[in-house]
Amino acid sequence: MNSKKRGLKFYLSIYRKILIQDLKTKMSYRADFIISTFGMIMTNLAGFVTFMILFGNFPTINGWDYYHMLFLYGFSLVALTPVQCFFDNNWNLRFMVQSGDFIKYCFRPVNVFFYFMSEVFDVKGLGQLVFGVGTIAFAWYHIGIPVTFLAIAKLIVFLLAASLFMIAIMNAAAATCFWIKGSGYVMVIMFRFKDFAKYPASIFNSVFKVIFTFIIPIAFVAYYPSLVILEPDNVPLLAWLSPALGLVFFYLSYRFWMLGVRKYDFTGS
């Protein structure tokens, strides 16, 4: 773990090589790739249909109409894509720790977190990305939001900010395996919270709103960042702060993950 400090250029070069090899391996099983991607798209399509059925009976939910809710749903899908594509190896962390195989990551002259995460790129997430972008575009058109460079720039920035929160949640959940044997339950529970991201935080009571904002920040995966686009004249402070808060949450989750690595490296447990 006494790895030398490396620059961004070095890590990007290494990641590109690892990614190419991983994609070559996955593409050798094209049927599995096609079926998995199709399954991901159908799962998201089911969510789309659910909204259609729901709003066929209720015109609005706490002031949110069909297209605004659809925008929030698409926003959450795109925001969840990075954790799906780039951090999916978190699901394997507990098995590596329990088997002792994780020790191999501690002897390379690169950042352990980067080394571990870079080994897996989940291409299924790209199907989710395409569906999410399409859903945002569909809702954007029907809401009538002006298409300007500033609006698109804000959309990209706040989507990236939103993604940091889910990445942070899953990093922290995965890292509990360094202390808890049954950490798989923690991972599953935290991952299931993502289903709440497609709903506005305003529909929850005050207790859950606080929990989903400051403790398990699911409301930042879509609701708060999306308000910058949906309500440009009435953006709450938390929405503007989401990029900075996302960086803070991500950094804290990274430090927690690395704290577990140091425990593992020092104790061999």
C-alpha atoms as a PDB file:
ATOM      1  CA  MET A   1       0.000   0.000   0.000  1.00  0.00           C
ATOM      2  CA  ASN A   2       3.009   2.282  -0.051  1.00  0.00           C
ATOM      3  CA  SER A   3       2.286   3.111  -3.652  1.00  0.00           C
ATOM      4  CA  LYS A   4       3.891   6.053  -5.330  1.00  0.00           C
ATOM      5  CA  LYS A   5       1.751   9.026  -6.130  1.00  0.00           C
ATOM      6  CA  ARG A   6       0.656   8.910  -9.712  1.00  0.00           C
ATOM      7  CA  GLY A   7      -0.825  11.592 -11.917  1.00  0.00           C
ATOM      8  CA  LEU A   8      -4.173  11.658 -13.677  1.00  0.00           C
ATOM      9  CA  LYS A   9      -2.558  10.935 -17.050  1.00  0.00           C
ATOM     10  CA  PHE A  10      -1.024   7.743 -15.684  1.00  0.00           C
ATOM     11  CA  TYR A  11      -4.325   6.467 -14.284  1.00  0.00           C
ATOM     12  CA  LEU A  12      -6.250   7.312 -17.447  1.00  0.00           C
ATOM     13  CA  SER A  13      -3.692   5.398 -19.499  1.00  0.00           C
ATOM     14  CA  ILE A  14      -3.896   2.376 -17.216  1.00  0.00           C
ATOM     15  CA  TYR A  15      -7.691   2.490 -17.140  1.00  0.00           C
ATOM     16  CA  ARG A  16      -7.927   2.624 -20.926  1.00  0.00           C
ATOM     17  CA  LYS A  17      -5.819  -0.532 -21.228  1.00  0.00           C
ATOM     18  CA  ILE A  18      -7.794  -2.371 -18.549  1.00  0.00           C
ATOM     19  CA  LEU A  19     -11.093  -1.285 -20.100  1.00  0.00           C
ATOM     20  CA  ILE A  20     -10.121  -2.514 -23.546  1.00  0.00           C
ATOM     21  CA  GLN A  21      -9.177  -5.928 -22.183  1.00  0.00           C
ATOM     22  CA  ASP A  22     -12.373  -6.157 -20.126  1.00  0.00           C
ATOM     23  CA  LEU A  23     -14.536  -5.240 -23.120  1.00  0.00           C
ATOM     24  CA  LYS A  24     -12.735  -7.792 -25.320  1.00  0.00           C
ATOM     25  CA  THR A  25     -13.505 -10.458 -22.728  1.00  0.00           C
ATOM     26  CA  LYS A  26     -17.162  -9.471 -22.509  1.00  0.00           C
ATOM     27  CA  MET A  27     -17.622  -9.255 -26.272  1.00  0.00           C
ATOM     28  CA  SER A  28     -16.385 -12.811 -26.636  1.00  0.00           C
ATOM     29  CA  TYR A  29     -19.719 -13.742 -25.018  1.00  0.00           C
ATOM     30  CA  ARG A  30     -21.935 -11.614 -27.264  1.00  0.00           C
ATOM     31  CA  ALA A  31     -25.144 -13.503 -26.530  1.00  0.00           C
ATOM     32  CA  ASP A  32     -24.749 -12.824 -22.809  1.00  0.00           C
ATOM     33  CA  PHE A  33     -24.060  -9.144 -23.545  1.00  0.00           C
ATOM     34  CA  ILE A  34     -27.114  -8.792 -25.797  1.00  0.00           C
ATOM     35  CA  ILE A  35     -29.437 -10.615 -23.384  1.00  0.00           C
ATOM     36  CA  SER A  36     -28.190  -8.625 -20.381  1.00  0.00           C
ATOM     37  CA  THR A  37     -28.538  -5.301 -22.195  1.00  0.00           C
ATOM     38  CA  PHE A  38     -32.012  -6.220 -23.432  1.00  0.00           C
ATOM     39  CA  GLY A  39     -32.987  -7.208 -19.901  1.00  0.00           C
ATOM     40  CA  MET A  40     -31.788  -3.862 -18.555  1.00  0.00           C
ATOM     41  CA  ILE A  41     -33.779  -1.951 -21.175  1.00  0.00           C
ATOM     42  CA  MET A  42     -36.931  -3.994 -20.497  1.00  0.00           C
ATOM     43  CA  THR A  43     -36.596  -3.378 -16.760  1.00  0.00           C
ATOM     44  CA  ASN A  44     -36.445   0.371 -17.338  1.00  0.00           C
ATOM     45  CA  LEU A  45     -39.274   0.169 -19.863  1.00  0.00           C
ATOM     46  CA  ALA A  46     -41.397  -1.458 -17.164  1.00  0.00           C
ATOM     47  CA  GLY A  47     -40.798   1.601 -14.988  1.00  0.00           C
ATOM     48  CA  PHE A  48     -41.892   3.808 -17.877  1.00  0.00           C
ATOM     49  CA  VAL A  49     -45.118   1.815 -18.294  1.00  0.00           C
ATOM     50  CA  THR A  50     -45.729   1.983 -14.535  1.00  0.00           C
ATOM     51  CA  PHE A  51     -45.747   5.774 -14.743  1.00  0.00           C
ATOM     52  CA  MET A  52     -48.237   5.643 -17.605  1.00  0.00           C
ATOM     53  CA  ILE A  53     -50.589   3.433 -15.594  1.00  0.00           C
ATOM     54  CA  LEU A  54     -50.156   5.496 -12.427  1.00  0.00           C
ATOM     55  CA  PHE A  55     -50.878   8.811 -14.116  1.00  0.00           C
ATOM     56  CA  GLY A  56     -53.782   7.294 -15.993  1.00  0.00           C
ATOM     57  CA  ASN A  57     -55.523   7.274 -12.608  1.00  0.00           C
ATOM     58  CA  PHE A  58     -53.903  10.248 -10.875  1.00  0.00           C
ATOM     59  CA  PRO A  59     -53.185  13.393 -12.941  1.00  0.00           C
ATOM     60  CA  THR A  60     -50.611  14.711 -10.447  1.00  0.00           C
ATOM     61  CA  ILE A  61     -48.666  13.564  -7.398  1.00  0.00           C
ATOM     62  CA  ASN A  62     -48.148  16.371  -4.919  1.00  0.00           C
ATOM     63  CA  GLY A  63     -48.098  18.879  -7.763  1.00  0.00           C
ATOM     64  CA  TRP A  64     -45.886  16.789 -10.084  1.00  0.00           C
ATOM     65  CA  ASP A  65     -47.519  15.872 -13.374  1.00  0.00           C
ATOM     66  CA  TYR A  66     -46.702  12.972 -15.701  1.00  0.00           C
ATOM     67  CA  TYR A  67     -43.961  14.640 -17.738  1.00  0.00           C
ATOM     68  CA  HIS A  68     -42.199  16.180 -14.732  1.00  0.00           C
ATOM     69  CA  MET A  69     -42.202  12.801 -13.004  1.00  0.00           C
ATOM     70  CA  LEU A  70     -40.959  11.212 -16.222  1.00  0.00           C
ATOM     71  CA  PHE A  71     -38.126  13.733 -16.366  1.00  0.00           C
ATOM     72  CA  LEU A  72     -37.198  12.828 -12.782  1.00  0.00           C
ATOM     73  CA  TYR A  73     -37.267   9.130 -13.692  1.00  0.00           C
ATOM     74  CA  GLY A  74     -34.999   9.624 -16.711  1.00  0.00           C
ATOM     75  CA  PHE A  75     -32.705  11.849 -14.673  1.00  0.00           C
ATOM     76  CA  SER A  76     -32.333   9.129 -12.028  1.00  0.00           C
ATOM     77  CA  LEU A  77     -31.546   6.489 -14.682  1.00  0.00           C
ATOM     78  CA  VAL A  78     -28.723   8.565 -16.164  1.00  0.00           C
ATOM     79  CA  ALA A  79     -27.418   9.525 -12.721  1.00  0.00           C
ATOM     80  CA  LEU A  80     -27.307   5.847 -11.731  1.00  0.00           C
ATOM     81  CA  THR A  81     -25.366   4.833 -14.843  1.00  0.00           C
ATOM     82  CA  PRO A  82     -21.837   5.635 -13.533  1.00  0.00           C
ATOM     83  CA  VAL A  83     -22.276   3.475 -10.431  1.00  0.00           C
ATOM     84  CA  GLN A  84     -23.599   0.705 -12.682  1.00  0.00           C
ATOM     85  CA  CYS A  85     -20.781   0.943 -15.230  1.00  0.00           C
ATOM     86  CA  PHE A  86     -17.683   1.959 -13.289  1.00  0.00           C
ATOM     87  CA  PHE A  87     -18.263   0.823  -9.694  1.00  0.00           C
ATOM     88  CA  ASP A  88     -20.041  -2.491 -10.154  1.00  0.00           C
ATOM     89  CA  ASN A  89     -17.078  -4.376  -8.704  1.00  0.00           C
ATOM     90  CA  ASN A  90     -18.226  -3.182  -5.276  1.00  0.00           C
ATOM     91  CA  TRP A  91     -20.609  -6.141  -5.351  1.00  0.00           C
ATOM     92  CA  ASN A  92     -17.620  -8.508  -5.437  1.00  0.00           C
ATOM     93  CA  LEU A  93     -15.681  -6.790  -2.657  1.00  0.00           C
ATOM     94  CA  ARG A  94     -17.079  -8.840   0.222  1.00  0.00           C
ATOM     95  CA  PHE A  95     -16.268 -12.118  -1.542  1.00  0.00           C
ATOM     96  CA  MET A  96     -12.692 -11.016  -2.217  1.00  0.00           C
ATOM     97  CA  VAL A  97     -12.228  -9.925   1.396  1.00  0.00           C
ATOM     98  CA  GLN A  98     -13.716 -13.114   2.839  1.00  0.00           C
ATOM     99  CA  SER A  99     -11.658 -15.394   0.585  1.00  0.00           C
ATOM    100  CA  GLY A 100      -8.451 -13.471   1.195  1.00  0.00           C
ATOM    101  CA  ASP A 101      -7.983 -12.764  -2.523  1.00  0.00           C
ATOM    102  CA  PHE A 102      -8.268  -9.034  -1.909  1.00  0.00           C
ATOM    103  CA  ILE A 103      -4.679  -9.005  -0.624  1.00  0.00           C
ATOM    104  CA  LYS A 104      -3.420  -8.986  -4.239  1.00  0.00           C
ATOM    105  CA  TYR A 105      -4.673  -5.402  -4.635  1.00  0.00           C
ATOM    106  CA  CYS A 106      -2.502  -4.223  -1.754  1.00  0.00           C
ATOM    107  CA  PHE A 107       0.820  -5.013  -3.439  1.00  0.00           C
ATOM    108  CA  ARG A 108       0.548  -2.990  -6.641  1.00  0.00           C
ATOM    109  CA  PRO A 109       2.147   0.469  -6.969  1.00  0.00           C
ATOM    110  CA  VAL A 110      -1.234   2.042  -7.782  1.00  0.00           C
ATOM    111  CA  ASN A 111      -4.165   3.305  -5.761  1.00  0.00           C
ATOM    112  CA  VAL A 112      -6.032   0.270  -4.352  1.00  0.00           C
ATOM    113  CA  PHE A 113      -9.471   1.805  -4.891  1.00  0.00           C
ATOM    114  CA  PHE A 114      -8.695   2.585  -8.531  1.00  0.00           C
ATOM    115  CA  TYR A 115      -7.129  -0.816  -9.148  1.00  0.00           C
ATOM    116  CA  PHE A 116     -10.094  -2.704  -7.716  1.00  0.00           C
ATOM    117  CA  MET A 117     -12.821  -0.655  -9.431  1.00  0.00           C
ATOM    118  CA  SER A 118     -11.095  -0.576 -12.809  1.00  0.00           C
ATOM    119  CA  GLU A 119     -11.212  -4.361 -13.168  1.00  0.00           C
ATOM    120  CA  VAL A 120     -14.928  -4.366 -14.002  1.00  0.00           C
ATOM    121  CA  PHE A 121     -16.890  -2.256 -16.466  1.00  0.00           C
ATOM    122  CA  ASP A 122     -20.567  -3.221 -16.647  1.00  0.00           C
ATOM    123  CA  VAL A 123     -21.625  -2.576 -20.242  1.00  0.00           C
ATOM    124  CA  LYS A 124     -25.289  -3.222 -19.347  1.00  0.00           C
ATOM    125  CA  GLY A 125     -25.320   0.248 -17.865  1.00  0.00           C
ATOM    126  CA  LEU A 126     -24.975   1.720 -21.357  1.00  0.00           C
ATOM    127  CA  GLY A 127     -28.457   0.457 -22.202  1.00  0.00           C
ATOM    128  CA  GLN A 128     -29.756   2.212 -19.109  1.00  0.00           C
ATOM    129  CA  LEU A 129     -27.938   5.382 -20.177  1.00  0.00           C
ATOM    130  CA  VAL A 130     -29.548   5.383 -23.633  1.00  0.00           C
ATOM    131  CA  PHE A 131     -33.010   4.770 -22.190  1.00  0.00           C
ATOM    132  CA  GLY A 132     -32.507   7.472 -19.552  1.00  0.00           C
ATOM    133  CA  VAL A 133     -31.342  10.065 -22.087  1.00  0.00           C
ATOM    134  CA  GLY A 134     -34.303   9.236 -24.318  1.00  0.00           C
ATOM    135  CA  THR A 135     -36.711   9.607 -21.403  1.00  0.00           C
ATOM    136  CA  ILE A 136     -35.226  12.978 -20.426  1.00  0.00           C
ATOM    137  CA  ALA A 137     -35.468  14.203 -24.033  1.00  0.00           C
ATOM    138  CA  PHE A 138     -39.096  13.023 -24.316  1.00  0.00           C
ATOM    139  CA  ALA A 139     -40.120  14.727 -21.066  1.00  0.00           C
ATOM    140  CA  TRP A 140     -38.047  17.840 -21.862  1.00  0.00           C
ATOM    141  CA  TYR A 141     -39.915  18.306 -25.141  1.00  0.00           C
ATOM    142  CA  HIS A 142     -43.372  17.924 -23.599  1.00  0.00           C
ATOM    143  CA  ILE A 143     -42.601  20.187 -20.634  1.00  0.00           C
ATOM    144  CA  GLY A 144     -41.414  22.827 -23.070  1.00  0.00           C
ATOM    145  CA  ILE A 145     -38.036  23.603 -21.524  1.00  0.00           C
ATOM    146  CA  PRO A 146     -36.004  25.866 -23.859  1.00  0.00           C
ATOM    147  CA  VAL A 147     -33.034  24.058 -25.405  1.00  0.00           C
ATOM    148  CA  THR A 148     -30.059  26.338 -24.777  1.00  0.00           C
ATOM    149  CA  PHE A 149     -26.365  25.797 -24.254  1.00  0.00           C
ATOM    150  CA  LEU A 150     -26.716  26.879 -20.612  1.00  0.00           C
ATOM    151  CA  ALA A 151     -29.573  24.451 -19.980  1.00  0.00           C
ATOM    152  CA  ILE A 152     -27.662  21.523 -21.491  1.00  0.00           C
ATOM    153  CA  ALA A 153     -24.495  22.481 -19.569  1.00  0.00           C
ATOM    154  CA  LYS A 154     -26.431  22.608 -16.295  1.00  0.00           C
ATOM    155  CA  LEU A 155     -28.047  19.263 -17.091  1.00  0.00           C
ATOM    156  CA  ILE A 156     -24.656  17.591 -17.596  1.00  0.00           C
ATOM    157  CA  VAL A 157     -23.067  19.172 -14.518  1.00  0.00           C
ATOM    158  CA  PHE A 158     -25.940  18.298 -12.207  1.00  0.00           C
ATOM    159  CA  LEU A 159     -26.283  14.783 -13.616  1.00  0.00           C
ATOM    160  CA  LEU A 160     -22.622  14.201 -12.776  1.00  0.00           C
ATOM    161  CA  ALA A 161     -23.194  15.689  -9.326  1.00  0.00           C
ATOM    162  CA  ALA A 162     -26.209  13.437  -8.779  1.00  0.00           C
ATOM    163  CA  SER A 163     -24.220  10.345  -9.755  1.00  0.00           C
ATOM    164  CA  LEU A 164     -21.655  11.050  -7.023  1.00  0.00           C
ATOM    165  CA  PHE A 165     -24.258  10.500  -4.316  1.00  0.00           C
ATOM    166  CA  MET A 166     -25.218   6.978  -5.432  1.00  0.00           C
ATOM    167  CA  ILE A 167     -21.562   6.100  -5.940  1.00  0.00           C
ATOM    168  CA  ALA A 168     -20.853   7.307  -2.405  1.00  0.00           C
ATOM    169  CA  ILE A 169     -23.732   5.288  -0.965  1.00  0.00           C
ATOM    170  CA  MET A 170     -22.572   2.082  -2.638  1.00  0.00           C
ATOM    171  CA  ASN A 171     -18.893   2.685  -1.791  1.00  0.00           C
ATOM    172  CA  ALA A 172     -19.767   3.061   1.882  1.00  0.00           C
ATOM    173  CA  ALA A 173     -22.127   0.075   1.834  1.00  0.00           C
ATOM    174  CA  ALA A 174     -19.536  -2.154   0.164  1.00  0.00           C
ATOM    175  CA  ALA A 175     -16.783  -1.094   2.562  1.00  0.00           C
ATOM    176  CA  THR A 176     -18.742  -2.376   5.565  1.00  0.00           C
ATOM    177  CA  CYS A 177     -17.501  -5.848   4.552  1.00  0.00           C
ATOM    178  CA  PHE A 178     -14.164  -4.994   6.180  1.00  0.00           C
ATOM    179  CA  TRP A 179     -15.969  -4.991   9.536  1.00  0.00           C
ATOM    180  CA  ILE A 180     -19.255  -6.903   9.011  1.00  0.00           C
ATOM    181  CA  LYS A 181     -19.515 -10.452   7.700  1.00  0.00           C
ATOM    182  CA  GLY A 182     -23.128 -10.049   6.567  1.00  0.00           C
ATOM    183  CA  SER A 183     -22.398  -6.902   4.574  1.00  0.00           C
ATOM    184  CA  GLY A 184     -24.255  -8.282   1.569  1.00  0.00           C
ATOM    185  CA  TYR A 185     -27.510  -7.289   3.254  1.00  0.00           C
ATOM    186  CA  VAL A 186     -26.210  -3.745   3.658  1.00  0.00           C
ATOM    187  CA  MET A 187     -25.391  -3.585  -0.053  1.00  0.00           C
ATOM    188  CA  VAL A 188     -28.815  -4.875  -1.104  1.00  0.00           C
ATOM    189  CA  ILE A 189     -30.700  -2.525   1.227  1.00  0.00           C
ATOM    190  CA  MET A 190     -28.715   0.531   0.143  1.00  0.00           C
ATOM    191  CA  PHE A 191     -29.108  -0.377  -3.528  1.00  0.00           C
ATOM    192  CA  ARG A 192     -32.858  -0.771  -3.172  1.00  0.00           C
ATOM    193  CA  PHE A 193     -33.066   2.789  -1.887  1.00  0.00           C
ATOM    194  CA  LYS A 194     -32.358   3.884  -5.465  1.00  0.00           C
ATOM    195  CA  ASP A 195     -36.008   3.128  -6.260  1.00  0.00           C
ATOM    196  CA  PHE A 196     -36.958   6.165  -4.175  1.00  0.00           C
ATOM    197  CA  ALA A 197     -34.745   8.424  -6.315  1.00  0.00           C
ATOM    198  CA  LYS A 198     -37.365   8.611  -9.067  1.00  0.00           C
ATOM    199  CA  TYR A 199     -39.850  10.274  -6.721  1.00  0.00           C
ATOM    200  CA  PRO A 200     -39.759  13.896  -5.506  1.00  0.00           C
ATOM    201  CA  ALA A 201     -38.616  14.227  -1.900  1.00  0.00           C
ATOM    202  CA  SER A 202     -41.594  16.495  -1.279  1.00  0.00           C
ATOM    203  CA  ILE A 203     -43.955  13.496  -1.219  1.00  0.00           C
ATOM    204  CA  PHE A 204     -42.274  12.047   1.887  1.00  0.00           C
ATOM    205  CA  ASN A 205     -43.027  13.095   5.453  1.00  0.00           C
ATOM    206  CA  SER A 206     -40.534  15.293   7.317  1.00  0.00           C
ATOM    207  CA  VAL A 207     -38.696  12.374   8.960  1.00  0.00           C
ATOM    208  CA  PHE A 208     -38.021  10.499   5.730  1.00  0.00           C
ATOM    209  CA  LYS A 209     -37.244  13.724   3.934  1.00  0.00           C
ATOM    210  CA  VAL A 210     -34.441  14.406   6.425  1.00  0.00           C
ATOM    211  CA  ILE A 211     -33.178  10.816   6.150  1.00  0.00           C
ATOM    212  CA  PHE A 212     -33.178  10.866   2.335  1.00  0.00           C
ATOM    213  CA  THR A 213     -31.501  14.272   2.272  1.00  0.00           C
ATOM    214  CA  PHE A 214     -28.796  14.167   4.929  1.00  0.00           C
ATOM    215  CA  ILE A 215     -28.292  10.539   6.058  1.00  0.00           C
ATOM    216  CA  ILE A 216     -28.939   8.385   2.987  1.00  0.00           C
ATOM    217  CA  PRO A 217     -28.887  11.150   0.345  1.00  0.00           C
ATOM    218  CA  ILE A 218     -31.200   9.508  -2.181  1.00  0.00           C
ATOM    219  CA  ALA A 219     -32.997  12.818  -2.759  1.00  0.00           C
ATOM    220  CA  PHE A 220     -29.785  14.107  -4.359  1.00  0.00           C
ATOM    221  CA  VAL A 221     -29.692  11.294  -6.920  1.00  0.00           C
ATOM    222  CA  ALA A 222     -32.395  13.062  -8.934  1.00  0.00           C
ATOM    223  CA  TYR A 223     -34.795  15.343  -7.055  1.00  0.00           C
ATOM    224  CA  TYR A 224     -32.624  18.262  -5.916  1.00  0.00           C
ATOM    225  CA  PRO A 225     -30.276  18.383  -8.955  1.00  0.00           C
ATOM    226  CA  SER A 226     -33.196  18.134 -11.397  1.00  0.00           C
ATOM    227  CA  LEU A 227     -34.859  21.213  -9.882  1.00  0.00           C
ATOM    228  CA  VAL A 228     -32.131  23.333 -11.472  1.00  0.00           C
ATOM    229  CA  ILE A 229     -33.651  22.391 -14.845  1.00  0.00           C
ATOM    230  CA  LEU A 230     -37.310  21.992 -13.917  1.00  0.00           C
ATOM    231  CA  GLU A 231     -37.681  25.090 -11.728  1.00  0.00           C
ATOM    232  CA  PRO A 232     -34.958  27.533 -12.852  1.00  0.00           C
ATOM    233  CA  ASP A 233     -36.734  30.491 -11.232  1.00  0.00           C
ATOM    234  CA  ASN A 234     -37.184  28.820  -7.863  1.00  0.00           C
ATOM    235  CA  VAL A 235     -34.117  26.653  -7.258  1.00  0.00           C
ATOM    236  CA  PRO A 236     -33.603  25.730  -3.571  1.00  0.00           C
ATOM    237  CA  LEU A 237     -30.169  26.172  -2.025  1.00  0.00           C
ATOM    238  CA  LEU A 238     -29.665  22.419  -1.623  1.00  0.00           C
ATOM    239  CA  ALA A 239     -30.061  22.006  -5.382  1.00  0.00           C
ATOM    240  CA  TRP A 240     -27.327  24.555  -6.114  1.00  0.00           C
ATOM    241  CA  LEU A 241     -25.096  22.942  -3.492  1.00  0.00           C
ATOM    242  CA  SER A 242     -25.504  19.409  -4.865  1.00  0.00           C
ATOM    243  CA  PRO A 243     -22.206  19.423  -6.883  1.00  0.00           C
ATOM    244  CA  ALA A 244     -20.184  20.439  -3.821  1.00  0.00           C
ATOM    245  CA  LEU A 245     -22.097  18.093  -1.517  1.00  0.00           C
ATOM    246  CA  GLY A 246     -21.687  15.267  -4.026  1.00  0.00           C
ATOM    247  CA  LEU A 247     -17.913  15.708  -3.978  1.00  0.00           C
ATOM    248  CA  VAL A 248     -17.939  15.736  -0.165  1.00  0.00           C
ATOM    249  CA  PHE A 249     -20.032  12.563   0.082  1.00  0.00           C
ATOM    250  CA  PHE A 250     -17.905  10.819  -2.529  1.00  0.00           C
ATOM    251  CA  TYR A 251     -14.670  11.790  -0.760  1.00  0.00           C
ATOM    252  CA  LEU A 252     -15.984  10.619   2.615  1.00  0.00           C
ATOM    253  CA  SER A 253     -17.064   7.289   1.111  1.00  0.00           C
ATOM    254  CA  TYR A 254     -13.636   6.917  -0.520  1.00  0.00           C
ATOM    255  CA  ARG A 255     -11.872   7.587   2.792  1.00  0.00           C
ATOM    256  CA  PHE A 256     -14.150   5.078   4.537  1.00  0.00           C
ATOM    257  CA  TRP A 257     -13.396   2.496   1.815  1.00  0.00           C
ATOM    258  CA  MET A 258      -9.657   3.096   2.163  1.00  0.00           C
ATOM    259  CA  LEU A 259      -9.918   2.906   5.963  1.00  0.00           C
ATOM    260  CA  GLY A 260     -11.257  -0.611   5.508  1.00  0.00           C
ATOM    261  CA  VAL A 261      -8.365  -1.407   3.162  1.00  0.00           C
ATOM    262  CA  ARG A 262      -5.845  -0.288   5.799  1.00  0.00           C
ATOM    263  CA  LYS A 263      -7.562  -2.454   8.391  1.00  0.00           C
ATOM    264  CA  TYR A 264      -7.435  -5.415   6.001  1.00  0.00           C
ATOM    265  CA  ASP A 265      -3.810  -4.786   5.057  1.00  0.00           C
ATOM    266  CA  PHE A 266      -2.607  -4.377   8.623  1.00  0.00           C
ATOM    267  CA  THR A 267      -4.564  -7.215  10.211  1.00  0.00           C
ATOM    268  CA  GLY A 268      -4.923  -9.636   7.304  1.00  0.00           C
ATOM    269  CA  SER A 269      -8.579 -10.115   8.273  1.00  0.00           C
END
